[in-house]
Structure formats: structure tokens, C-alpha cells
C-alpha atoms as a PDB file:
ATOM      1  CA  MET A   1       6.976  44.128 -56.421  1.00  0.00           C
ATOM      2  CA  THR A   2       5.557  40.775 -55.620  1.00  0.00           C
ATOM      3  CA  GLN A   3       7.836  41.310 -52.310  1.00  0.00           C
ATOM      4  CA  VAL A   4       6.118  44.552 -51.652  1.00  0.00           C
ATOM      5  CA  ALA A   5       2.655  42.858 -52.368  1.00  0.00           C
ATOM      6  CA  SER A   6       2.907  40.148 -50.628  1.00  0.00           C
ATOM      7  CA  GLU A   7       4.077  42.091 -47.600  1.00  0.00           C
ATOM      8  CA  GLY A   8       1.004  44.888 -48.118  1.00  0.00           C
ATOM      9  CA  ARG A   9      -1.534  41.740 -48.262  1.00  0.00           C
ATOM     10  CA  LYS A  10      -0.091  40.221 -44.786  1.00  0.00           C
ATOM     11  CA  LEU A  11       0.077  43.717 -43.325  1.00  0.00           C
ATOM     12  CA  LEU A  12      -3.644  44.197 -44.254  1.00  0.00           C
ATOM     13  CA  ARG A  13      -5.065  40.339 -42.983  1.00  0.00           C
ATOM     14  CA  LEU A  14      -2.701  41.610 -39.403  1.00  0.00           C
ATOM     15  CA  GLU A  15      -4.658  44.671 -39.092  1.00  0.00           C
ATOM     16  CA  ALA A  16      -7.754  43.342 -40.278  1.00  0.00           C
ATOM     17  CA  ARG A  17      -7.420  40.364 -37.584  1.00  0.00           C
ATOM     18  CA  ASN A  18      -6.389  43.248 -34.565  1.00  0.00           C
ATOM     19  CA  ALA A  19      -9.573  44.897 -35.157  1.00  0.00           C
ATOM     20  CA  GLU A  20     -11.577  41.863 -34.512  1.00  0.00           C
ATOM     21  CA  THR A  21     -11.230  43.110 -30.529  1.00  0.00           C
ATOM     22  CA  PRO A  22     -12.886  46.318 -30.054  1.00  0.00           C
ATOM     23  CA  ILE A  23     -10.798  49.222 -28.286  1.00  0.00           C
ATOM     24  CA  GLU A  24     -10.542  48.345 -24.732  1.00  0.00           C
ATOM     25  CA  ARG A  25     -11.949  50.629 -21.909  1.00  0.00           C
ATOM     26  CA  LYS A  26      -9.180  52.177 -20.204  1.00  0.00           C
ATOM     27  CA  PRO A  27      -9.223  51.440 -16.137  1.00  0.00           C
ATOM     28  CA  GLU A  28      -9.466  54.408 -13.599  1.00  0.00           C
ATOM     29  CA  TRP A  29      -5.454  54.821 -12.911  1.00  0.00           C
ATOM     30  CA  ILE A  30      -4.790  55.337 -16.416  1.00  0.00           C
ATOM     31  CA  LYS A  31      -6.360  58.282 -16.828  1.00  0.00           C
ATOM     32  CA  THR A  32      -4.758  61.967 -16.450  1.00  0.00           C
ATOM     33  CA  ARG A  33      -5.442  65.542 -14.955  1.00  0.00           C
ATOM     34  CA  ALA A  34      -4.056  68.292 -16.360  1.00  0.00           C
ATOM     35  CA  LYS A  35      -1.594  70.127 -14.403  1.00  0.00           C
ATOM     36  CA  MET A  36      -0.823  73.329 -15.721  1.00  0.00           C
ATOM     37  CA  GLY A  37       2.072  75.367 -14.057  1.00  0.00           C
ATOM     38  CA  PRO A  38       3.562  78.400 -15.431  1.00  0.00           C
ATOM     39  CA  GLN A  39       6.530  77.178 -17.540  1.00  0.00           C
ATOM     40  CA  TYR A  40       4.044  75.092 -19.670  1.00  0.00           C
ATOM     41  CA  THR A  41       1.210  78.161 -20.015  1.00  0.00           C
ATOM     42  CA  GLU A  42       4.245  80.272 -21.482  1.00  0.00           C
ATOM     43  CA  LEU A  43       5.582  77.323 -23.673  1.00  0.00           C
ATOM     44  CA  GLN A  44       2.023  76.926 -24.915  1.00  0.00           C
ATOM     45  CA  LYS A  45       1.614  80.167 -25.884  1.00  0.00           C
ATOM     46  CA  LEU A  46       5.218  80.474 -27.580  1.00  0.00           C
ATOM     47  CA  VAL A  47       4.603  77.007 -29.449  1.00  0.00           C
ATOM     48  CA  LYS A  48       0.982  78.292 -30.997  1.00  0.00           C
ATOM     49  CA  SER A  49       2.398  81.680 -31.865  1.00  0.00           C
ATOM     50  CA  GLU A  50       5.536  80.271 -33.447  1.00  0.00           C
ATOM     51  CA  GLY A  51       3.952  77.767 -35.003  1.00  0.00           C
ATOM     52  CA  LEU A  52       6.580  74.961 -33.859  1.00  0.00           C
ATOM     53  CA  HIS A  53       5.994  71.336 -33.776  1.00  0.00           C
ATOM     54  CA  THR A  54       6.614  69.118 -31.352  1.00  0.00           C
ATOM     55  CA  VAL A  55       5.614  65.051 -30.443  1.00  0.00           C
ATOM     56  CA  CYS A  56       4.598  66.515 -26.952  1.00  0.00           C
ATOM     57  CA  GLN A  57       1.630  68.154 -28.695  1.00  0.00           C
ATOM     58  CA  GLU A  58       0.952  66.131 -31.708  1.00  0.00           C
ATOM     59  CA  ALA A  59       0.814  62.842 -29.945  1.00  0.00           C
ATOM     60  CA  GLY A  60      -1.526  63.941 -26.916  1.00  0.00           C
ATOM     61  CA  CYS A  61       1.539  62.903 -24.396  1.00  0.00           C
ATOM     62  CA  PRO A  62      -0.057  62.945 -21.118  1.00  0.00           C
ATOM     63  CA  ASN A  63       3.121  63.958 -19.391  1.00  0.00           C
ATOM     64  CA  ILE A  64       3.158  67.204 -21.469  1.00  0.00           C
ATOM     65  CA  TYR A  65       2.399  69.126 -18.423  1.00  0.00           C
ATOM     66  CA  GLU A  66       5.402  68.239 -16.058  1.00  0.00           C
ATOM     67  CA  CYS A  67       7.700  67.973 -19.577  1.00  0.00           C
ATOM     68  CA  TRP A  68       7.163  71.567 -19.750  1.00  0.00           C
ATOM     69  CA  GLU A  69       7.345  72.781 -16.950  1.00  0.00           C
ATOM     70  CA  ASP A  70      10.310  71.355 -16.659  1.00  0.00           C
ATOM     71  CA  ARG A  71      11.471  72.950 -19.931  1.00  0.00           C
ATOM     72  CA  GLU A  72      11.777  69.556 -22.002  1.00  0.00           C
ATOM     73  CA  ALA A  73      10.205  68.916 -25.089  1.00  0.00           C
ATOM     74  CA  THR A  74      10.476  65.788 -27.667  1.00  0.00           C
ATOM     75  CA  PHE A  75      10.663  66.726 -31.642  1.00  0.00           C
ATOM     76  CA  LEU A  76       9.857  63.759 -34.652  1.00  0.00           C
ATOM     77  CA  ILE A  77      12.626  63.875 -37.471  1.00  0.00           C
ATOM     78  CA  GLY A  78      12.598  62.588 -40.912  1.00  0.00           C
ATOM     79  CA  GLY A  79       8.671  63.323 -41.777  1.00  0.00           C
ATOM     80  CA  ASP A  80       5.406  61.652 -40.880  1.00  0.00           C
ATOM     81  CA  GLN A  81       5.765  58.000 -42.978  1.00  0.00           C
ATOM     82  CA  CYS A  82       7.926  55.359 -41.770  1.00  0.00           C
ATOM     83  CA  THR A  83       9.541  52.571 -43.622  1.00  0.00           C
ATOM     84  CA  ARG A  84       8.802  49.996 -41.107  1.00  0.00           C
ATOM     85  CA  ARG A  85       5.517  48.946 -39.286  1.00  0.00           C
ATOM     86  CA  CYS A  86       5.379  48.220 -35.635  1.00  0.00           C
ATOM     87  CA  ASP A  87       2.045  46.966 -34.039  1.00  0.00           C
ATOM     88  CA  PHE A  88       2.173  49.372 -31.399  1.00  0.00           C
ATOM     89  CA  CYS A  89       3.015  52.376 -32.900  1.00  0.00           C
ATOM     90  CA  GLN A  90       0.876  55.005 -34.476  1.00  0.00           C
ATOM     91  CA  ILE A  91       3.342  56.407 -37.177  1.00  0.00           C
ATOM     92  CA  ASP A  92       1.846  55.786 -40.945  1.00  0.00           C
ATOM     93  CA  THR A  93       3.779  52.951 -42.690  1.00  0.00           C
ATOM     94  CA  GLY A  94       4.511  54.763 -46.291  1.00  0.00           C
ATOM     95  CA  LYS A  95       6.577  55.969 -48.518  1.00  0.00           C
ATOM     96  CA  PRO A  96       8.404  59.121 -46.815  1.00  0.00           C
ATOM     97  CA  GLN A  97       9.153  62.185 -48.690  1.00  0.00           C
ATOM     98  CA  PRO A  98      12.283  62.830 -49.220  1.00  0.00           C
ATOM     99  CA  LEU A  99      14.947  64.178 -46.913  1.00  0.00           C
ATOM    100  CA  ASP A 100      14.615  67.276 -45.834  1.00  0.00           C
ATOM    101  CA  ARG A 101      18.325  68.771 -45.489  1.00  0.00           C
ATOM    102  CA  ASP A 102      17.233  72.001 -43.501  1.00  0.00           C
ATOM    103  CA  GLU A 103      15.063  70.050 -40.529  1.00  0.00           C
ATOM    104  CA  PRO A 104      18.410  70.109 -38.381  1.00  0.00           C
ATOM    105  CA  ARG A 105      18.227  73.921 -38.526  1.00  0.00           C
ATOM    106  CA  ARG A 106      14.792  74.171 -38.018  1.00  0.00           C
ATOM    107  CA  VAL A 107      14.922  72.093 -34.783  1.00  0.00           C
ATOM    108  CA  ALA A 108      17.633  73.453 -33.460  1.00  0.00           C
ATOM    109  CA  GLU A 109      15.994  77.045 -33.815  1.00  0.00           C
ATOM    110  CA  SER A 110      12.323  75.765 -32.468  1.00  0.00           C
ATOM    111  CA  VAL A 111      14.742  74.239 -29.251  1.00  0.00           C
ATOM    112  CA  GLN A 112      16.261  77.928 -29.048  1.00  0.00           C
ATOM    113  CA  THR A 113      13.147  79.355 -29.274  1.00  0.00           C
ATOM    114  CA  MET A 114      11.417  76.925 -26.700  1.00  0.00           C
ATOM    115  CA  GLY A 115      14.352  78.031 -24.422  1.00  0.00           C
ATOM    116  CA  LEU A 116      14.533  74.220 -23.326  1.00  0.00           C
ATOM    117  CA  ARG A 117      17.028  72.498 -21.108  1.00  0.00           C
ATOM    118  CA  TYR A 118      16.524  69.346 -22.372  1.00  0.00           C
ATOM    119  CA  ALA A 119      15.536  67.840 -26.135  1.00  0.00           C
ATOM    120  CA  THR A 120      14.305  64.678 -27.326  1.00  0.00           C
ATOM    121  CA  ILE A 121      15.121  63.994 -30.757  1.00  0.00           C
ATOM    122  CA  THR A 122      13.048  60.679 -32.251  1.00  0.00           C
ATOM    123  CA  GLY A 123      12.189  59.988 -35.836  1.00  0.00           C
ATOM    124  CA  VAL A 124      10.865  57.292 -38.456  1.00  0.00           C
ATOM    125  CA  ALA A 125      13.095  54.596 -39.821  1.00  0.00           C
ATOM    126  CA  ARG A 126      13.601  55.480 -43.239  1.00  0.00           C
ATOM    127  CA  ASP A 127      14.673  52.478 -45.122  1.00  0.00           C
ATOM    128  CA  ASP A 128      14.730  54.343 -48.414  1.00  0.00           C
ATOM    129  CA  LEU A 129      17.679  56.545 -47.789  1.00  0.00           C
ATOM    130  CA  PRO A 130      21.395  54.538 -48.325  1.00  0.00           C
ATOM    131  CA  ASP A 131      22.403  56.190 -45.101  1.00  0.00           C
ATOM    132  CA  GLY A 132      18.905  55.126 -42.936  1.00  0.00           C
ATOM    133  CA  GLY A 133      18.749  58.454 -42.159  1.00  0.00           C
ATOM    134  CA  ALA A 134      21.886  58.859 -39.734  1.00  0.00           C
ATOM    135  CA  TRP A 135      23.117  61.980 -41.502  1.00  0.00           C
ATOM    136  CA  LEU A 136      19.882  63.713 -40.237  1.00  0.00           C
ATOM    137  CA  TYR A 137      19.882  62.040 -36.852  1.00  0.00           C
ATOM    138  CA  ALA A 138      23.291  63.468 -36.285  1.00  0.00           C
ATOM    139  CA  GLU A 139      23.244  66.854 -38.303  1.00  0.00           C
ATOM    140  CA  THR A 140      20.002  67.053 -35.659  1.00  0.00           C
ATOM    141  CA  VAL A 141      22.166  66.610 -32.539  1.00  0.00           C
ATOM    142  CA  LYS A 142      24.949  68.905 -34.036  1.00  0.00           C
ATOM    143  CA  GLN A 143      23.075  71.879 -34.715  1.00  0.00           C
ATOM    144  CA  ILE A 144      20.590  71.478 -31.339  1.00  0.00           C
ATOM    145  CA  HIS A 145      24.422  72.180 -29.611  1.00  0.00           C
ATOM    146  CA  GLU A 146      25.844  74.449 -31.733  1.00  0.00           C
ATOM    147  CA  LEU A 147      22.708  76.937 -31.408  1.00  0.00           C
ATOM    148  CA  ASN A 148      22.143  75.980 -27.643  1.00  0.00           C
ATOM    149  CA  PRO A 149      25.079  74.996 -25.984  1.00  0.00           C
ATOM    150  CA  GLY A 150      23.514  74.747 -22.197  1.00  0.00           C
ATOM    151  CA  THR A 151      20.787  72.214 -23.482  1.00  0.00           C
ATOM    152  CA  GLY A 152      21.197  68.220 -23.225  1.00  0.00           C
ATOM    153  CA  VAL A 153      19.706  66.602 -26.086  1.00  0.00           C
ATOM    154  CA  GLU A 154      18.892  62.565 -26.188  1.00  0.00           C
ATOM    155  CA  ASN A 155      18.422  60.874 -29.550  1.00  0.00           C
ATOM    156  CA  LEU A 156      16.103  58.174 -29.767  1.00  0.00           C
ATOM    157  CA  ILE A 157      17.368  56.659 -33.006  1.00  0.00           C
ATOM    158  CA  PRO A 158      16.290  53.345 -35.247  1.00  0.00           C
ATOM    159  CA  ASP A 159      18.720  50.520 -35.108  1.00  0.00           C
ATOM    160  CA  PHE A 160      19.819  51.464 -38.871  1.00  0.00           C
ATOM    161  CA  ASN A 161      20.325  47.913 -39.463  1.00  0.00           C
ATOM    162  CA  GLY A 162      22.692  47.312 -37.063  1.00  0.00           C
ATOM    163  CA  LYS A 163      25.291  48.794 -39.072  1.00  0.00           C
ATOM    164  CA  PRO A 164      28.486  50.093 -37.263  1.00  0.00           C
ATOM    165  CA  ASP A 165      29.684  52.967 -39.564  1.00  0.00           C
ATOM    166  CA  LEU A 166      26.030  54.403 -39.522  1.00  0.00           C
ATOM    167  CA  LEU A 167      26.078  53.969 -35.631  1.00  0.00           C
ATOM    168  CA  ARG A 168      29.322  55.448 -35.386  1.00  0.00           C
ATOM    169  CA  GLU A 169      27.931  58.661 -38.160  1.00  0.00           C
ATOM    170  CA  VAL A 170      25.411  59.423 -35.138  1.00  0.00           C
ATOM    171  CA  PHE A 171      27.426  58.380 -31.559  1.00  0.00           C
ATOM    172  CA  GLU A 172      29.974  61.063 -32.909  1.00  0.00           C
ATOM    173  CA  SER A 173      27.665  63.965 -32.538  1.00  0.00           C
ATOM    174  CA  ARG A 174      27.515  63.141 -28.948  1.00  0.00           C
ATOM    175  CA  PRO A 175      24.112  63.465 -27.983  1.00  0.00           C
ATOM    176  CA  GLU A 176      23.879  63.756 -23.765  1.00  0.00           C
ATOM    177  CA  VAL A 177      21.975  60.038 -24.144  1.00  0.00           C
ATOM    178  CA  LEU A 178      21.828  57.288 -26.968  1.00  0.00           C
ATOM    179  CA  ALA A 179      18.383  55.825 -27.100  1.00  0.00           C
ATOM    180  CA  HIS A 180      17.121  52.814 -28.578  1.00  0.00           C
ATOM    181  CA  ASN A 181      14.016  51.216 -27.692  1.00  0.00           C
ATOM    182  CA  VAL A 182      13.718  47.538 -27.169  1.00  0.00           C
ATOM    183  CA  GLU A 183      10.024  47.744 -26.466  1.00  0.00           C
ATOM    184  CA  THR A 184       8.941  43.796 -25.791  1.00  0.00           C
ATOM    185  CA  VAL A 185      10.590  40.728 -24.839  1.00  0.00           C
ATOM    186  CA  PRO A 186      12.175  38.093 -27.671  1.00  0.00           C
ATOM    187  CA  ARG A 187       9.084  35.733 -27.642  1.00  0.00           C
ATOM    188  CA  ILE A 188       6.322  38.365 -29.601  1.00  0.00           C
ATOM    189  CA  PHE A 189       9.358  40.272 -30.572  1.00  0.00           C
ATOM    190  CA  LYS A 190       8.872  39.664 -34.183  1.00  0.00           C
ATOM    191  CA  ARG A 191       4.963  39.470 -34.115  1.00  0.00           C
ATOM    192  CA  ILE A 192       5.076  43.179 -32.727  1.00  0.00           C
ATOM    193  CA  ARG A 193       8.625  44.604 -34.749  1.00  0.00           C
ATOM    194  CA  PRO A 194       8.547  42.439 -37.851  1.00  0.00           C
ATOM    195  CA  ALA A 195      11.448  44.794 -39.111  1.00  0.00           C
ATOM    196  CA  PHE A 196      13.605  44.331 -36.120  1.00  0.00           C
ATOM    197  CA  THR A 197      15.023  42.005 -34.347  1.00  0.00           C
ATOM    198  CA  TYR A 198      15.700  41.756 -29.975  1.00  0.00           C
ATOM    199  CA  GLU A 199      19.457  40.817 -30.738  1.00  0.00           C
ATOM    200  CA  ARG A 200      20.240  43.489 -32.839  1.00  0.00           C
ATOM    201  CA  SER A 201      18.547  46.160 -30.674  1.00  0.00           C
ATOM    202  CA  LEU A 202      20.251  44.708 -27.441  1.00  0.00           C
ATOM    203  CA  ASP A 203      23.498  44.930 -30.128  1.00  0.00           C
ATOM    204  CA  VAL A 204      23.270  48.949 -30.809  1.00  0.00           C
ATOM    205  CA  ILE A 205      22.733  49.780 -26.942  1.00  0.00           C
ATOM    206  CA  THR A 206      26.146  47.724 -26.640  1.00  0.00           C
ATOM    207  CA  GLN A 207      27.868  49.689 -29.253  1.00  0.00           C
ATOM    208  CA  ALA A 208      26.659  53.000 -28.236  1.00  0.00           C
ATOM    209  CA  ARG A 209      28.128  52.337 -24.245  1.00  0.00           C
ATOM    210  CA  GLU A 210      31.168  51.338 -25.690  1.00  0.00           C
ATOM    211  CA  PHE A 211      31.424  54.284 -27.425  1.00  0.00           C
ATOM    212  CA  GLY A 212      30.935  55.980 -24.100  1.00  0.00           C
ATOM    213  CA  LEU A 213      27.916  57.083 -24.529  1.00  0.00           C
ATOM    214  CA  VAL A 214      24.997  56.891 -21.801  1.00  0.00           C
ATOM    215  CA  THR A 215      22.303  54.780 -22.704  1.00  0.00           C
ATOM    216  CA  LYS A 216      18.831  54.310 -22.427  1.00  0.00           C
ATOM    217  CA  SER A 217      15.853  51.754 -23.182  1.00  0.00           C
ATOM    218  CA  ASN A 218      12.290  51.269 -23.157  1.00  0.00           C
ATOM    219  CA  LEU A 219       9.902  48.377 -22.450  1.00  0.00           C
ATOM    220  CA  ILE A 220       6.111  48.457 -23.220  1.00  0.00           C
ATOM    221  CA  LEU A 221       3.803  46.118 -20.882  1.00  0.00           C
ATOM    222  CA  GLY A 222       0.486  44.888 -22.202  1.00  0.00           C
ATOM    223  CA  MET A 223       1.051  43.007 -25.549  1.00  0.00           C
ATOM    224  CA  GLY A 224       1.242  39.478 -24.558  1.00  0.00           C
ATOM    225  CA  GLU A 225       4.349  39.021 -22.084  1.00  0.00           C
ATOM    226  CA  THR A 226       4.906  38.041 -18.925  1.00  0.00           C
ATOM    227  CA  ARG A 227       6.404  38.527 -15.216  1.00  0.00           C
ATOM    228  CA  GLU A 228       9.305  36.277 -15.705  1.00  0.00           C
ATOM    229  CA  GLU A 229      10.139  37.766 -19.797  1.00  0.00           C
ATOM    230  CA  ILE A 230       9.775  41.194 -18.458  1.00  0.00           C
ATOM    231  CA  HIS A 231      13.008  40.611 -15.312  1.00  0.00           C
ATOM    232  CA  GLN A 232      14.911  38.706 -17.792  1.00  0.00           C
ATOM    233  CA  ALA A 233      14.171  41.402 -20.692  1.00  0.00           C
ATOM    234  CA  LEU A 234      15.866  43.888 -18.110  1.00  0.00           C
ATOM    235  CA  VAL A 235      18.546  41.280 -17.389  1.00  0.00           C
ATOM    236  CA  ASP A 236      19.619  41.222 -21.266  1.00  0.00           C
ATOM    237  CA  LEU A 237      19.459  44.807 -21.309  1.00  0.00           C
ATOM    238  CA  HIS A 238      21.451  46.015 -18.415  1.00  0.00           C
ATOM    239  CA  GLY A 239      23.973  43.229 -19.580  1.00  0.00           C
ATOM    240  CA  ALA A 240      23.885  44.684 -23.061  1.00  0.00           C
ATOM    241  CA  GLY A 241      25.489  48.025 -21.209  1.00  0.00           C
ATOM    242  CA  CYS A 242      22.007  49.951 -20.640  1.00  0.00           C
ATOM    243  CA  GLU A 243      21.748  52.524 -18.017  1.00  0.00           C
ATOM    244  CA  LEU A 244      18.777  53.777 -18.121  1.00  0.00           C
ATOM    245  CA  ILE A 245      15.426  52.155 -18.509  1.00  0.00           C
ATOM    246  CA  THR A 246      11.408  53.613 -18.863  1.00  0.00           C
ATOM    247  CA  ILE A 247       8.891  50.783 -18.702  1.00  0.00           C
ATOM    248  CA  THR A 248       5.393  51.778 -19.477  1.00  0.00           C
ATOM    249  CA  GLN A 249       1.769  50.648 -20.176  1.00  0.00           C
ATOM    250  CA  TYR A 250       0.508  49.925 -23.644  1.00  0.00           C
ATOM    251  CA  LEU A 251      -2.121  52.006 -25.267  1.00  0.00           C
ATOM    252  CA  ARG A 252      -3.321  50.861 -28.062  1.00  0.00           C
ATOM    253  CA  PRO A 253      -3.562  53.614 -30.775  1.00  0.00           C
ATOM    254  CA  SER A 254      -6.669  52.589 -33.049  1.00  0.00           C
ATOM    255  CA  PRO A 255      -8.485  49.089 -33.838  1.00  0.00           C
ATOM    256  CA  ARG A 256      -5.828  48.623 -36.709  1.00  0.00           C
ATOM    257  CA  HIS A 257      -3.175  48.276 -33.737  1.00  0.00           C
ATOM    258  CA  HIS A 258      -1.939  45.465 -31.726  1.00  0.00           C
ATOM    259  CA  PRO A 259      -4.914  44.624 -28.836  1.00  0.00           C
ATOM    260  CA  VAL A 260      -4.244  45.213 -25.300  1.00  0.00           C
ATOM    261  CA  GLU A 261      -3.735  42.069 -23.469  1.00  0.00           C
ATOM    262  CA  ARG A 262      -3.653  42.862 -19.740  1.00  0.00           C
ATOM    263  CA  TRP A 263      -3.901  46.796 -17.517  1.00  0.00           C
ATOM    264  CA  VAL A 264      -0.362  46.473 -15.283  1.00  0.00           C
ATOM    265  CA  LYS A 265      -1.381  48.017 -12.003  1.00  0.00           C
ATOM    266  CA  PRO A 266       0.585  50.729 -10.468  1.00  0.00           C
ATOM    267  CA  GLU A 267       1.751  48.559  -7.614  1.00  0.00           C
ATOM    268  CA  GLU A 268       3.222  46.144 -10.247  1.00  0.00           C
ATOM    269  CA  PHE A 269       5.174  48.921 -11.921  1.00  0.00           C
ATOM    270  CA  VAL A 270       6.616  49.870  -8.034  1.00  0.00           C
ATOM    271  CA  GLU A 271       8.061  46.428  -7.897  1.00  0.00           C
ATOM    272  CA  MET A 272       9.263  46.611 -11.510  1.00  0.00           C
ATOM    273  CA  THR A 273      10.999  49.906 -10.533  1.00  0.00           C
ATOM    274  CA  THR A 274      12.911  47.978  -7.466  1.00  0.00           C
ATOM    275  CA  GLU A 275      13.574  45.131  -9.656  1.00  0.00           C
ATOM    276  CA  ALA A 276      15.189  47.166 -12.374  1.00  0.00           C
ATOM    277  CA  GLU A 277      17.478  49.063  -9.801  1.00  0.00           C
ATOM    278  CA  GLU A 278      18.358  45.852  -8.037  1.00  0.00           C
ATOM    279  CA  ILE A 279      19.777  44.847 -11.398  1.00  0.00           C
ATOM    280  CA  GLY A 280      21.861  47.962 -11.690  1.00  0.00           C
ATOM    281  CA  PHE A 281      19.883  50.322 -13.723  1.00  0.00           C
ATOM    282  CA  ALA A 282      21.535  53.773 -13.126  1.00  0.00           C
ATOM    283  CA  GLY A 283      17.894  55.307 -13.758  1.00  0.00           C
ATOM    284  CA  VAL A 284      14.331  53.685 -13.686  1.00  0.00           C
ATOM    285  CA  LEU A 285      10.786  55.300 -14.295  1.00  0.00           C
ATOM    286  CA  SER A 286       8.173  52.708 -14.096  1.00  0.00           C
ATOM    287  CA  GLY A 287       4.620  53.370 -14.735  1.00  0.00           C
ATOM    288  CA  PRO A 288       1.398  53.512 -16.625  1.00  0.00           C
ATOM    289  CA  LEU A 289       1.924  56.813 -18.162  1.00  0.00           C
ATOM    290  CA  VAL A 290       5.316  56.934 -18.076  1.00  0.00           C
ATOM    291  CA  ARG A 291       7.058  57.348 -22.139  1.00  0.00           C
ATOM    292  CA  SER A 292      10.556  57.008 -22.875  1.00  0.00           C
ATOM    293  CA  SER A 293      10.936  60.796 -23.072  1.00  0.00           C
ATOM    294  CA  TYR A 294       9.407  61.507 -20.169  1.00  0.00           C
ATOM    295  CA  ARG A 295      11.715  63.281 -17.612  1.00  0.00           C
ATOM    296  CA  ALA A 296      14.501  62.311 -19.335  1.00  0.00           C
ATOM    297  CA  GLY A 297      16.754  65.505 -18.193  1.00  0.00           C
ATOM    298  CA  ARG A 298      16.179  64.006 -14.796  1.00  0.00           C
ATOM    299  CA  LEU A 299      17.075  60.522 -15.880  1.00  0.00           C
ATOM    300  CA  TYR A 300      20.065  61.393 -17.392  1.00  0.00           C
ATOM    301  CA  LYS A 301      21.550  62.823 -14.500  1.00  0.00           C
ATOM    302  CA  GLN A 302      20.984  60.105 -12.122  1.00  0.00           C
ATOM    303  CA  ALA A 303      23.016  58.341 -14.981  1.00  0.00           C
ATOM    304  CA  ILE A 304      26.216  60.844 -14.969  1.00  0.00           C
ATOM    305  CA  GLU A 305      25.606  60.591 -10.896  1.00  0.00           C
ATOM    306  CA  ALA A 306      25.942  57.096 -11.236  1.00  0.00           C
ATOM    307  CA  ARG A 307      29.342  57.104 -13.416  1.00  0.00           C
ATOM    308  CA  GLU A 308      30.639  59.829 -10.750  1.00  0.00           C
ATOM    309  CA  THR A 309      29.941  57.637  -8.131  1.00  0.00           C
ATOM    310  CA  ALA A 310      31.644  54.591  -9.494  1.00  0.00           C
ATOM    311  CA  SER A 311      34.626  55.949 -10.739  1.00  0.00           C
END
């Protein structure tokens, strides 16, 4: 109990310090415009009429128009309370509700109802559960595949504390892509993601690649990293076996969160695309409004094409 109280006080101090910096004004290139095509309009009506829930809508993702036009969507599993706190993430930290064992079926049915070609499954860390939520992540993939045999599934997972048996349980569900986001560079990693470690996150990717899965990660820029550190993180990720990478701008969810330390210009994102491709990534999406599940199905196809070319 004393440790919990100590962690709580530390968290309050951090959030108070963050709140001393007002929310930053976004530059012009961050703003997005709605482009509503026929697929998006159809899905929007369907989701509303069926009472479905997607991260795309609930997080106000700027790419929803493009992703839904491609019949792609993202679902959050495991509840809305995370047992960890990352200083960039808008999901609340707290005590989660008991595990909902019916959730995989409902998500699979939502994928079917929406007629998705590609679904990304992400979720909260569940350190309150003996298996860290591994069953839930694995079962959701299995049920989506069972009900939607033509749909690709990307599983964006926490690290399960790097435990090989828990990771294997998730890997054996055979998602088309196994994603685990490193998010930032070693120097500031502990401050930004105190419950994770950089090395353990790289090892999750290595284990997934050794299992034979297509691997993917994400880097968020604007939290205090340098250009040289970004390059080294890309080298580290590729060396760990990461095939696909998304690179994005940090957008601060609230005054309680880490301040934006810089706005990365669009031309720098273009340079990083070239840089990542030269390092050897099979697929790269880099831009101010890119998110880790943006155009995920297209990126997966690039990984498959690269594997076929190499074989």
C-alpha cells in the first residue's frame, strides 16, 4: 500500500509539473480536413445504428476518413482503465474492471457487421491479471479470423513484461501483423514510459519476428528526442527485427500530459521516410498526422511483397 501511495504522489507531482506549461498552439500543417467518401459515410451510419465502438471515433483520429474508406478500423480491448501510465497517452490509469470474456466475440461481430478488410486490435495493459491479458489479445484475433476469414488482423500489444510464455500465447493466434510500439528513444524512455523498458520492447519485437510474424512499431516525435537519437532508434528497431515503422508527431491530450517540445516540419518527416527505407524497413509511413494503425492494411502488403522479393 505504501508503494502505491508513493507512486500516486509521484504521478500527481509529474502531472502538476506538466500543467505548468499551457497547451501549445498547433501549426497550420497539423490541421486536417474532412474527406467523406461513400465507404466512410456508409460505415458511419452503420456504426451509429448498430451501437458499435471504435478507437477511430472515440479518440477523434484525424485519419478516420481515409481508413474507413479503405474499410479499416481499430478496436480497443480490455476496458478503458490502464494499469500503467505513459506521459503521452490519453487513456486513464486506474483499477480496471473485471475481464470481460465475451469481448472477443463482440469485437469479431463488429468487424463482420462493418465488413472490414483489415482490423487493428489494441488495448490497455492489464498487470492486474495473472496473464497480463494475453488470453484476451489472442482470443480476439482468433475469433475475428474465425468469423471473418478474409479479414487481416493487426495485434498492437503491450509487453506482457517480456514473458516468453505469454508472448507465445499471443503469437500463436497468428495475427497478420504483430505490433509493439517503442514510441520514444532510450534517453527519455523512463520519463515517458516508466512501466516499460526500451530493451524489453525491442525484445518483444525480436521474439515476434523469430516466431515468423510480420513485425511493426511506432515512434512519436516532439517529446524531447534529438534527430540523431531518432536515427539510432530506427537502427535499433530494424536490428531487432522490425519490418514496418510509423513515425508521427506528438499531440498533447491534456495539460496533465507531457508538453510538446517541438513541432516537426512535414519536410523532416519526408526525410525520415527516406532514412528508414535506406536502413531497410519494408514499409514506412511518416507524417505529422500518421498514427500507428494508419493505412495498416497497405503497410502489411508492403511487408509481404518485401518478403516475397527476398525469398
